[in-house]
């Protein structure tokens, strides 16, 4: 599957959120969505990124955005992460890897010479018609929401 790019239709998905409720991208029709993929709950980079979206959540909502985080962690892990950092948005549990694979962010990674499969930190900005407006693949974890705002100004 080719990597998704600006102008492509965003793949729809349905998976459970941190509260065990099914969430579909189609639920957000007519709204702009910041769909961010992150490797793991409660790790330094992912916490910085999620807390940055939390800290700027109201301004993003004010500009008409919904924020959705996706990782392959389960609902229980997401709930703990949400509670610990008071995250005001949806976290999707992609435990079967169907979403990371549909968005082509499940990649081979290399850490300390060891190769393994994992989520490539990537942010998609999707418009109300389900079309990808922007793809951020070089995410600044401490300023992820600013990267989004810079692209939509």
C-alpha atoms as a PDB file:
ATOM      1  CA  UNK A   1       0.000   0.000   0.000  1.00  0.00           C
ATOM      2  CA  UNK A   2       1.301   3.408  -0.940  1.00  0.00           C
ATOM      3  CA  UNK A   3       1.831   6.013   1.710  1.00  0.00           C
ATOM      4  CA  UNK A   4      -1.138   8.337   2.133  1.00  0.00           C
ATOM      5  CA  UNK A   5      -0.633  11.935   1.041  1.00  0.00           C
ATOM      6  CA  UNK A   6      -2.394  15.277   0.821  1.00  0.00           C
ATOM      7  CA  UNK A   7      -5.561  14.972  -1.257  1.00  0.00           C
ATOM      8  CA  UNK A   8      -6.119  11.260  -0.538  1.00  0.00           C
ATOM      9  CA  UNK A   9      -9.309   9.981   1.051  1.00  0.00           C
ATOM     10  CA  UNK A  10      -8.613   9.104   4.695  1.00  0.00           C
ATOM     11  CA  UNK A  11      -9.312   5.419   5.383  1.00  0.00           C
ATOM     12  CA  UNK A  12     -12.365   4.976   7.600  1.00  0.00           C
ATOM     13  CA  UNK A  13     -11.989   2.908  10.739  1.00  0.00           C
ATOM     14  CA  UNK A  14     -13.979   1.742  13.727  1.00  0.00           C
ATOM     15  CA  UNK A  15     -12.252   0.787  16.969  1.00  0.00           C
ATOM     16  CA  UNK A  16     -12.827   1.255  20.683  1.00  0.00           C
ATOM     17  CA  UNK A  17     -11.766   4.341  22.586  1.00  0.00           C
ATOM     18  CA  UNK A  18     -10.347   4.489  26.117  1.00  0.00           C
ATOM     19  CA  UNK A  19     -13.873   4.035  27.521  1.00  0.00           C
ATOM     20  CA  UNK A  20     -14.672   0.955  25.448  1.00  0.00           C
ATOM     21  CA  UNK A  21     -16.961   2.850  23.080  1.00  0.00           C
ATOM     22  CA  UNK A  22     -16.707   2.229  19.332  1.00  0.00           C
ATOM     23  CA  UNK A  23     -15.478   5.290  17.409  1.00  0.00           C
ATOM     24  CA  UNK A  24     -15.407   5.669  13.622  1.00  0.00           C
ATOM     25  CA  UNK A  25     -13.770   8.346  11.540  1.00  0.00           C
ATOM     26  CA  UNK A  26     -17.190   8.625   9.850  1.00  0.00           C
ATOM     27  CA  UNK A  27     -18.582   9.874  13.201  1.00  0.00           C
ATOM     28  CA  UNK A  28     -16.700  13.125  12.551  1.00  0.00           C
ATOM     29  CA  UNK A  29     -18.118  13.853   9.090  1.00  0.00           C
ATOM     30  CA  UNK A  30     -18.323  17.602   8.630  1.00  0.00           C
ATOM     31  CA  UNK A  31     -15.588  18.238  11.216  1.00  0.00           C
ATOM     32  CA  UNK A  32     -11.863  18.607  10.750  1.00  0.00           C
ATOM     33  CA  UNK A  33      -9.846  15.947  12.557  1.00  0.00           C
ATOM     34  CA  UNK A  34      -6.297  15.885  13.842  1.00  0.00           C
ATOM     35  CA  UNK A  35      -5.524  12.160  13.792  1.00  0.00           C
ATOM     36  CA  UNK A  36      -2.212  11.538  15.482  1.00  0.00           C
ATOM     37  CA  UNK A  37      -0.467   8.201  15.653  1.00  0.00           C
ATOM     38  CA  UNK A  38       1.953   7.638  18.513  1.00  0.00           C
ATOM     39  CA  UNK A  39       4.010   4.595  19.546  1.00  0.00           C
ATOM     40  CA  UNK A  40       3.139   3.973  23.214  1.00  0.00           C
ATOM     41  CA  UNK A  41       1.145   5.355  26.149  1.00  0.00           C
ATOM     42  CA  UNK A  42       3.048   7.020  28.972  1.00  0.00           C
ATOM     43  CA  UNK A  43       6.476   7.140  27.321  1.00  0.00           C
ATOM     44  CA  UNK A  44       8.433  10.427  27.271  1.00  0.00           C
ATOM     45  CA  UNK A  45       7.874  11.460  23.633  1.00  0.00           C
ATOM     46  CA  UNK A  46       4.277  10.290  23.476  1.00  0.00           C
ATOM     47  CA  UNK A  47       3.455  11.983  26.775  1.00  0.00           C
ATOM     48  CA  UNK A  48       5.015  15.260  25.582  1.00  0.00           C
ATOM     49  CA  UNK A  49       3.050  15.080  22.331  1.00  0.00           C
ATOM     50  CA  UNK A  50      -0.271  14.197  23.985  1.00  0.00           C
ATOM     51  CA  UNK A  51       0.146  16.849  26.694  1.00  0.00           C
ATOM     52  CA  UNK A  52       0.944  19.450  24.041  1.00  0.00           C
ATOM     53  CA  UNK A  53      -2.341  18.613  22.292  1.00  0.00           C
ATOM     54  CA  UNK A  54      -4.052  18.752  25.729  1.00  0.00           C
ATOM     55  CA  UNK A  55      -2.560  22.158  26.548  1.00  0.00           C
ATOM     56  CA  UNK A  56      -3.694  23.594  23.205  1.00  0.00           C
ATOM     57  CA  UNK A  57      -6.916  21.610  22.937  1.00  0.00           C
ATOM     58  CA  UNK A  58      -9.270  24.567  23.419  1.00  0.00           C
ATOM     59  CA  UNK A  59      -7.623  26.620  20.675  1.00  0.00           C
ATOM     60  CA  UNK A  60      -7.738  23.610  18.311  1.00  0.00           C
ATOM     61  CA  UNK A  61     -11.429  23.009  19.108  1.00  0.00           C
ATOM     62  CA  UNK A  62     -11.996  26.744  18.630  1.00  0.00           C
ATOM     63  CA  UNK A  63     -10.642  26.367  15.099  1.00  0.00           C
ATOM     64  CA  UNK A  64     -13.098  23.513  14.460  1.00  0.00           C
ATOM     65  CA  UNK A  65     -10.856  20.515  15.103  1.00  0.00           C
ATOM     66  CA  UNK A  66     -11.409  17.243  16.891  1.00  0.00           C
ATOM     67  CA  UNK A  67      -8.261  15.584  18.244  1.00  0.00           C
ATOM     68  CA  UNK A  68      -7.920  11.780  18.123  1.00  0.00           C
ATOM     69  CA  UNK A  69      -4.864   9.856  19.274  1.00  0.00           C
ATOM     70  CA  UNK A  70      -4.187   6.332  18.023  1.00  0.00           C
ATOM     71  CA  UNK A  71      -1.764   3.720  19.302  1.00  0.00           C
ATOM     72  CA  UNK A  72      -1.722  -0.068  19.426  1.00  0.00           C
ATOM     73  CA  UNK A  73      -2.075  -0.028  23.231  1.00  0.00           C
ATOM     74  CA  UNK A  74      -5.303  -1.430  24.671  1.00  0.00           C
ATOM     75  CA  UNK A  75      -8.289   0.421  26.190  1.00  0.00           C
ATOM     76  CA  UNK A  76      -7.076  -0.070  29.761  1.00  0.00           C
ATOM     77  CA  UNK A  77      -3.669   1.435  28.957  1.00  0.00           C
ATOM     78  CA  UNK A  78      -5.347   4.371  27.168  1.00  0.00           C
ATOM     79  CA  UNK A  79      -7.700   4.977  30.112  1.00  0.00           C
ATOM     80  CA  UNK A  80      -4.781   5.071  32.535  1.00  0.00           C
ATOM     81  CA  UNK A  81      -2.871   7.457  30.206  1.00  0.00           C
ATOM     82  CA  UNK A  82      -5.943   9.699  29.781  1.00  0.00           C
ATOM     83  CA  UNK A  83      -6.549   9.842  33.543  1.00  0.00           C
ATOM     84  CA  UNK A  84      -2.910  10.412  34.527  1.00  0.00           C
ATOM     85  CA  UNK A  85      -2.514  13.405  32.179  1.00  0.00           C
ATOM     86  CA  UNK A  86      -6.157  14.632  32.027  1.00  0.00           C
ATOM     87  CA  UNK A  87      -6.325  14.207  28.262  1.00  0.00           C
ATOM     88  CA  UNK A  88      -9.600  15.753  27.006  1.00  0.00           C
ATOM     89  CA  UNK A  89      -9.788  13.880  23.696  1.00  0.00           C
ATOM     90  CA  UNK A  90     -10.397  10.422  22.258  1.00  0.00           C
ATOM     91  CA  UNK A  91      -7.683   7.777  22.331  1.00  0.00           C
ATOM     92  CA  UNK A  92      -8.265   4.851  19.974  1.00  0.00           C
ATOM     93  CA  UNK A  93      -7.049   1.355  20.898  1.00  0.00           C
ATOM     94  CA  UNK A  94      -5.798  -0.151  17.629  1.00  0.00           C
ATOM     95  CA  UNK A  95      -4.909  -3.509  19.161  1.00  0.00           C
ATOM     96  CA  UNK A  96      -5.365  -5.425  15.870  1.00  0.00           C
ATOM     97  CA  UNK A  97      -3.146  -2.911  14.000  1.00  0.00           C
ATOM     98  CA  UNK A  98      -5.837  -2.371  11.347  1.00  0.00           C
ATOM     99  CA  UNK A  99      -5.701   1.438  11.577  1.00  0.00           C
ATOM    100  CA  UNK A 100      -1.894   1.796  11.688  1.00  0.00           C
ATOM    101  CA  UNK A 101      -1.736  -0.500   8.662  1.00  0.00           C
ATOM    102  CA  UNK A 102      -4.514   1.337   6.772  1.00  0.00           C
ATOM    103  CA  UNK A 103      -2.652   4.630   7.328  1.00  0.00           C
ATOM    104  CA  UNK A 104       0.686   2.962   6.511  1.00  0.00           C
ATOM    105  CA  UNK A 105       2.356   4.034   9.762  1.00  0.00           C
ATOM    106  CA  UNK A 106       3.239   0.494  10.959  1.00  0.00           C
ATOM    107  CA  UNK A 107       6.915   0.488  10.020  1.00  0.00           C
ATOM    108  CA  UNK A 108      10.150  -1.296  10.655  1.00  0.00           C
ATOM    109  CA  UNK A 109      12.110   0.642  13.260  1.00  0.00           C
ATOM    110  CA  UNK A 110      15.643   0.310  14.480  1.00  0.00           C
ATOM    111  CA  UNK A 111      16.750   0.992  18.041  1.00  0.00           C
ATOM    112  CA  UNK A 112      20.253   0.191  19.243  1.00  0.00           C
ATOM    113  CA  UNK A 113      20.756  -2.022  16.209  1.00  0.00           C
ATOM    114  CA  UNK A 114      17.633  -4.089  16.914  1.00  0.00           C
ATOM    115  CA  UNK A 115      14.959  -4.068  14.222  1.00  0.00           C
ATOM    116  CA  UNK A 116      11.307  -4.302  15.204  1.00  0.00           C
ATOM    117  CA  UNK A 117       7.873  -3.221  13.948  1.00  0.00           C
ATOM    118  CA  UNK A 118       6.243  -0.194  15.516  1.00  0.00           C
ATOM    119  CA  UNK A 119       4.140   2.903  14.947  1.00  0.00           C
ATOM    120  CA  UNK A 120       5.824   5.735  13.081  1.00  0.00           C
ATOM    121  CA  UNK A 121       4.818   8.967  14.854  1.00  0.00           C
ATOM    122  CA  UNK A 122       2.663  10.702  12.235  1.00  0.00           C
ATOM    123  CA  UNK A 123      -0.127  13.301  12.279  1.00  0.00           C
ATOM    124  CA  UNK A 124      -2.865  13.536   9.651  1.00  0.00           C
ATOM    125  CA  UNK A 125      -5.067  16.614   9.276  1.00  0.00           C
ATOM    126  CA  UNK A 126      -8.357  15.452   7.745  1.00  0.00           C
ATOM    127  CA  UNK A 127     -11.087  17.801   6.544  1.00  0.00           C
ATOM    128  CA  UNK A 128     -14.836  17.416   7.092  1.00  0.00           C
ATOM    129  CA  UNK A 129     -15.182  15.523   3.799  1.00  0.00           C
ATOM    130  CA  UNK A 130     -12.667  12.900   4.915  1.00  0.00           C
ATOM    131  CA  UNK A 131      -9.858  14.150   2.689  1.00  0.00           C
ATOM    132  CA  UNK A 132      -6.299  14.366   4.015  1.00  0.00           C
ATOM    133  CA  UNK A 133      -5.254  18.022   4.033  1.00  0.00           C
ATOM    134  CA  UNK A 134      -1.774  17.581   5.512  1.00  0.00           C
ATOM    135  CA  UNK A 135       0.551  14.825   6.696  1.00  0.00           C
ATOM    136  CA  UNK A 136       3.182  15.593   9.332  1.00  0.00           C
ATOM    137  CA  UNK A 137       5.764  12.826   9.466  1.00  0.00           C
ATOM    138  CA  UNK A 138       8.465  14.768  11.273  1.00  0.00           C
ATOM    139  CA  UNK A 139       6.530  15.445  14.467  1.00  0.00           C
ATOM    140  CA  UNK A 140       7.970  17.769  17.099  1.00  0.00           C
ATOM    141  CA  UNK A 141       6.631  16.081  20.239  1.00  0.00           C
ATOM    142  CA  UNK A 142       6.918  19.257  22.338  1.00  0.00           C
ATOM    143  CA  UNK A 143       5.200  21.472  19.733  1.00  0.00           C
ATOM    144  CA  UNK A 144       2.933  19.084  17.832  1.00  0.00           C
ATOM    145  CA  UNK A 145      -0.155  21.294  18.082  1.00  0.00           C
ATOM    146  CA  UNK A 146       1.845  24.316  16.866  1.00  0.00           C
ATOM    147  CA  UNK A 147       2.939  22.301  13.827  1.00  0.00           C
ATOM    148  CA  UNK A 148      -0.748  21.732  13.060  1.00  0.00           C
ATOM    149  CA  UNK A 149      -1.662  25.381  13.638  1.00  0.00           C
ATOM    150  CA  UNK A 150       1.196  26.553  11.405  1.00  0.00           C
ATOM    151  CA  UNK A 151      -0.141  24.411   8.566  1.00  0.00           C
ATOM    152  CA  UNK A 152      -3.747  25.574   8.829  1.00  0.00           C
ATOM    153  CA  UNK A 153      -3.148  29.308   9.178  1.00  0.00           C
END
